[in-house]
Amino acid sequence: MAMNISGFGTSNASYTGMNTGNKGYKAAEEAVLADVMAEEAMMTPEQKMMYEMLGGREAHMKNMMRNYNSDGDYIGPGGIIVPGMHHGRDGSVDRSTWQQLIPVSDEMRQKMFDNVKREFIQENGISNGDTTKRSQIFREYQLSVKKEDRAKGTWTLQQYEGKYRSAMYAAVKAANPKWEPGQPFDPGILDSVTRESVESQLVKSGNTFVKKPSSGSTLDIQV
């Protein structure tokens, strides 16, 4: 078996010198300790000896604690994840707890709209993962609100983002039915597409937005 535990600390259950009452430790313990113990049980005597020489379980758990803050929030290596945005070790946290629509400030909605429009024009309607600045906007938003609202607000902002892009697609397509994403278009077509004009046509439907029905239709075309 290839020993893939990194970090290491003594397997002494007392964890000498470690504050096991720390919320960061408790979170790390809940997330990985069972797997660590299972891997320890499968080690050969030689692997076990090396493991103990490198510090064993205690140092490994101390290493894992670096991925959590003092409140027990998972923040990842170097704090890359904003506290409150981790949805469980394997994404298994009940989605209904965070896939909810909540109020998002006009300022942040406008920043997202402006970014969608800039990128839509720049990339001729194609969503380009290499050039998008959307992650910076999401992170700025997350850090501007309380932790309890970060995941829900990010979900809400994502729903607005999709509707802004759909409205721009529809506007260009209406001006040139033969247009396809990736083909150049006159940016002036989007002058009439504003955040307010898009949002005025939206209504809530469960955990997302749909376009208000027109002419009796209840269909919302997803682009």
Protein backbone atom coordinates (compact mmCIF):
# COMPACT_ATOMS: atom_id res chain seq x y z
CA MET A 1 0.00 0.00 0.00
CA ALA A 2 1.33 3.44 -0.87
CA MET A 3 1.37 5.56 2.24
CA ASN A 4 -0.27 8.83 1.22
CA ILE A 5 -0.74 10.41 4.63
CA SER A 6 1.20 13.65 4.76
CA GLY A 7 1.77 15.91 7.68
CA PHE A 8 2.12 13.31 10.59
CA GLY A 9 1.82 13.24 14.35
CA THR A 10 2.00 10.64 17.10
CA SER A 11 -0.83 8.16 17.18
CA ASN A 12 -1.06 8.73 20.93
CA ALA A 13 -4.73 9.46 21.55
CA SER A 14 -3.80 12.17 24.04
CA TYR A 15 -2.30 14.33 21.23
CA THR A 16 0.40 15.78 23.47
CA GLY A 17 0.74 19.52 22.99
CA MET A 18 -2.37 19.81 20.79
CA ASN A 19 -5.45 21.78 21.74
CA THR A 20 -8.08 19.21 20.85
CA GLY A 21 -10.79 21.57 22.07
CA ASN A 22 -9.99 24.02 19.28
CA LYS A 23 -12.84 24.38 16.76
CA GLY A 24 -10.36 24.01 13.92
CA TYR A 25 -9.20 20.69 15.35
CA LYS A 26 -12.75 19.50 15.91
CA ALA A 27 -13.63 20.28 12.30
CA ALA A 28 -10.51 18.54 10.98
CA GLU A 29 -11.16 15.57 13.27
CA GLU A 30 -14.71 15.18 11.97
CA ALA A 31 -13.56 15.47 8.36
CA VAL A 32 -10.49 13.23 8.22
CA LEU A 33 -9.70 11.38 11.46
CA ALA A 34 -11.64 8.22 10.55
CA ASP A 35 -9.76 7.95 7.26
CA VAL A 36 -6.43 8.59 8.97
CA MET A 37 -7.06 5.82 11.48
CA ALA A 38 -8.14 3.43 8.73
CA GLU A 39 -4.95 4.11 6.80
CA GLU A 40 -2.84 3.68 9.93
CA ALA A 41 -4.39 0.26 10.47
CA MET A 42 -3.28 -0.82 6.98
CA MET A 43 0.35 0.28 7.35
CA THR A 44 3.12 -2.27 7.30
CA PRO A 45 5.49 -2.25 10.32
CA GLU A 46 8.05 -0.37 8.20
CA GLN A 47 5.52 2.24 7.14
CA LYS A 48 4.31 2.59 10.72
CA MET A 49 7.85 3.17 11.93
CA MET A 50 8.46 5.87 9.32
CA TYR A 51 5.09 7.42 10.12
CA GLU A 52 5.99 7.67 13.82
CA MET A 53 9.44 9.04 13.03
CA LEU A 54 7.85 11.84 11.03
CA GLY A 55 5.51 12.67 13.89
CA GLY A 56 2.58 10.36 13.30
CA ARG A 57 -1.00 11.36 13.79
CA GLU A 58 -0.48 14.46 15.90
CA ALA A 59 1.54 16.33 13.28
CA HIS A 60 -0.80 15.11 10.55
CA MET A 61 -3.80 16.52 12.39
CA LYS A 62 -1.95 19.78 13.06
CA ASN A 63 -1.30 19.98 9.33
CA MET A 64 -4.95 19.37 8.54
CA MET A 65 -6.00 22.06 11.02
CA ARG A 66 -4.35 24.65 8.77
CA ASN A 67 -7.30 24.17 6.40
CA TYR A 68 -9.72 25.45 9.08
CA ASN A 69 -10.04 28.77 10.86
CA SER A 70 -10.62 29.31 14.58
CA ASP A 71 -14.39 29.03 14.06
CA GLY A 72 -14.01 25.61 12.44
CA ASP A 73 -14.78 26.88 8.93
CA TYR A 74 -13.01 25.11 6.07
CA ILE A 75 -10.89 27.70 4.26
CA GLY A 76 -8.56 25.41 2.31
CA PRO A 77 -4.81 25.77 1.76
CA GLY A 78 -3.72 29.34 2.32
CA GLY A 79 -7.28 30.49 3.08
CA ILE A 80 -8.37 30.29 -0.55
CA ILE A 81 -12.01 29.60 0.38
CA VAL A 82 -14.11 32.31 2.01
CA PRO A 83 -15.52 31.08 5.35
CA GLY A 84 -19.07 29.86 4.89
CA MET A 85 -18.60 28.84 1.25
CA HIS A 86 -17.57 25.20 1.79
CA HIS A 87 -20.48 22.84 1.13
CA GLY A 88 -19.07 19.75 2.78
CA ARG A 89 -16.13 17.48 2.13
CA ASP A 90 -17.67 15.99 -1.00
CA GLY A 91 -20.35 18.59 -1.67
CA SER A 92 -22.90 16.47 0.15
CA VAL A 93 -24.32 19.21 2.37
CA ASP A 94 -28.06 19.53 1.74
CA ARG A 95 -28.30 21.92 -1.20
CA SER A 96 -31.60 23.30 0.07
CA THR A 97 -29.71 24.93 2.94
CA TRP A 98 -27.85 27.29 0.60
CA GLN A 99 -29.54 27.20 -2.79
CA GLN A 100 -31.96 29.90 -1.77
CA LEU A 101 -32.80 33.34 -3.14
CA ILE A 102 -32.03 36.23 -0.81
CA PRO A 103 -31.65 39.99 -1.35
CA VAL A 104 -28.37 41.04 -2.99
CA SER A 105 -27.34 44.69 -3.09
CA ASP A 106 -27.90 46.82 -6.19
CA GLU A 107 -24.16 47.54 -6.20
CA MET A 108 -23.12 43.90 -6.48
CA ARG A 109 -25.86 43.07 -9.00
CA GLN A 110 -24.68 46.01 -11.12
CA LYS A 111 -21.07 44.85 -10.93
CA MET A 112 -22.13 41.40 -12.11
CA PHE A 113 -24.26 42.86 -14.91
CA ASP A 114 -21.40 45.09 -16.08
CA ASN A 115 -19.04 42.13 -16.07
CA VAL A 116 -21.45 39.93 -18.03
CA LYS A 117 -21.91 42.67 -20.63
CA ARG A 118 -18.18 43.33 -20.94
CA GLU A 119 -17.40 39.66 -21.38
CA PHE A 120 -20.35 39.05 -23.71
CA ILE A 121 -19.03 41.76 -26.04
CA GLN A 122 -15.39 40.80 -25.63
CA GLU A 123 -16.01 37.10 -26.33
CA ASN A 124 -18.83 37.54 -28.86
CA GLY A 125 -21.34 35.83 -26.64
CA ILE A 126 -19.20 32.89 -25.57
CA SER A 127 -18.57 32.16 -21.89
CA ASN A 128 -14.78 31.99 -21.69
CA GLY A 129 -13.45 30.46 -18.49
CA ASP A 130 -9.95 31.72 -19.27
CA THR A 131 -10.77 35.43 -19.27
CA THR A 132 -13.78 35.82 -16.99
CA LYS A 133 -13.53 38.04 -13.92
CA ARG A 134 -16.68 36.65 -12.30
CA SER A 135 -14.81 34.86 -9.50
CA GLN A 136 -13.42 38.16 -8.24
CA ILE A 137 -16.92 39.61 -8.10
CA PHE A 138 -18.27 36.62 -6.21
CA ARG A 139 -15.43 36.80 -3.70
CA GLU A 140 -15.88 40.55 -3.22
CA TYR A 141 -19.56 39.95 -2.58
CA GLN A 142 -18.91 37.09 -0.15
CA LEU A 143 -16.53 39.19 1.92
CA SER A 144 -19.04 42.05 2.05
CA VAL A 145 -21.82 40.11 3.80
CA LYS A 146 -22.14 38.07 6.97
CA LYS A 147 -21.00 34.47 6.82
CA GLU A 148 -24.52 33.05 7.10
CA ASP A 149 -25.58 34.82 3.90
CA ARG A 150 -22.53 34.14 1.73
CA ALA A 151 -23.54 30.85 0.12
CA LYS A 152 -27.17 31.87 -0.38
CA GLY A 153 -26.22 35.27 -1.74
CA THR A 154 -23.69 33.76 -4.12
CA TRP A 155 -26.34 31.37 -5.39
CA THR A 156 -28.71 34.31 -5.90
CA LEU A 157 -26.08 36.35 -7.74
CA GLN A 158 -25.44 33.36 -10.02
CA GLN A 159 -29.13 33.26 -10.93
CA TYR A 160 -29.07 36.94 -11.85
CA GLU A 161 -25.88 36.40 -13.84
CA GLY A 162 -27.52 33.74 -15.99
CA LYS A 163 -30.54 35.92 -16.70
CA TYR A 164 -28.37 38.89 -17.70
CA ARG A 165 -26.53 36.72 -20.20
CA SER A 166 -29.76 35.21 -21.54
CA ALA A 167 -31.21 38.68 -22.13
CA MET A 168 -28.13 39.77 -24.07
CA TYR A 169 -28.24 36.63 -26.18
CA ALA A 170 -31.91 37.21 -26.92
CA ALA A 171 -31.29 40.85 -27.89
CA VAL A 172 -28.52 39.98 -30.36
CA LYS A 173 -30.52 37.09 -31.76
CA ALA A 174 -33.56 39.32 -32.24
CA ALA A 175 -31.45 41.83 -34.17
CA ASN A 176 -29.84 39.10 -36.28
CA PRO A 177 -31.63 35.75 -36.22
CA LYS A 178 -28.69 34.15 -38.04
CA TRP A 179 -26.18 35.18 -35.37
CA GLU A 180 -24.48 32.43 -33.40
CA PRO A 181 -22.22 32.75 -30.32
CA GLY A 182 -18.66 33.37 -31.41
CA GLN A 183 -19.65 35.54 -34.34
CA PRO A 184 -19.10 39.34 -34.18
CA PHE A 185 -22.11 41.58 -33.55
CA ASP A 186 -22.79 45.28 -33.14
CA PRO A 187 -22.30 46.04 -29.40
CA GLY A 188 -24.82 48.87 -29.76
CA ILE A 189 -27.52 46.20 -29.82
CA LEU A 190 -27.02 45.80 -26.09
CA ASP A 191 -27.58 49.49 -25.29
CA SER A 192 -31.23 48.80 -24.55
CA VAL A 193 -30.38 45.87 -22.23
CA THR A 194 -29.94 47.21 -18.72
CA ARG A 195 -29.88 45.49 -15.38
CA GLU A 196 -33.15 47.12 -14.46
CA SER A 197 -34.84 46.07 -17.72
CA VAL A 198 -33.79 42.47 -17.20
CA GLU A 199 -34.74 42.30 -13.54
CA SER A 200 -38.14 43.91 -14.15
CA GLN A 201 -39.07 40.83 -16.19
CA LEU A 202 -38.08 38.30 -13.51
CA VAL A 203 -40.13 36.54 -10.88
CA LYS A 204 -39.10 33.97 -8.31
CA SER A 205 -39.81 30.33 -8.98
CA GLY A 206 -38.57 28.09 -6.22
CA ASN A 207 -34.84 28.67 -5.85
CA THR A 208 -34.33 30.47 -9.16
CA PHE A 209 -35.76 33.21 -11.36
CA VAL A 210 -37.95 32.80 -14.42
CA LYS A 211 -39.14 35.33 -16.95
CA LYS A 212 -42.60 36.73 -16.35
CA PRO A 213 -45.17 35.04 -18.57
CA SER A 214 -46.26 37.06 -21.58
CA SER A 215 -49.33 36.59 -23.75
CA GLY A 216 -50.53 33.94 -21.38
CA SER A 217 -47.42 31.82 -21.73
CA THR A 218 -45.86 30.30 -18.61
CA LEU A 219 -42.76 29.11 -20.38
CA ASP A 220 -39.34 30.49 -19.47
CA ILE A 221 -36.78 29.91 -22.20
CA GLN A 222 -33.42 28.93 -20.74
CA VAL A 223 -30.33 29.90 -22.75
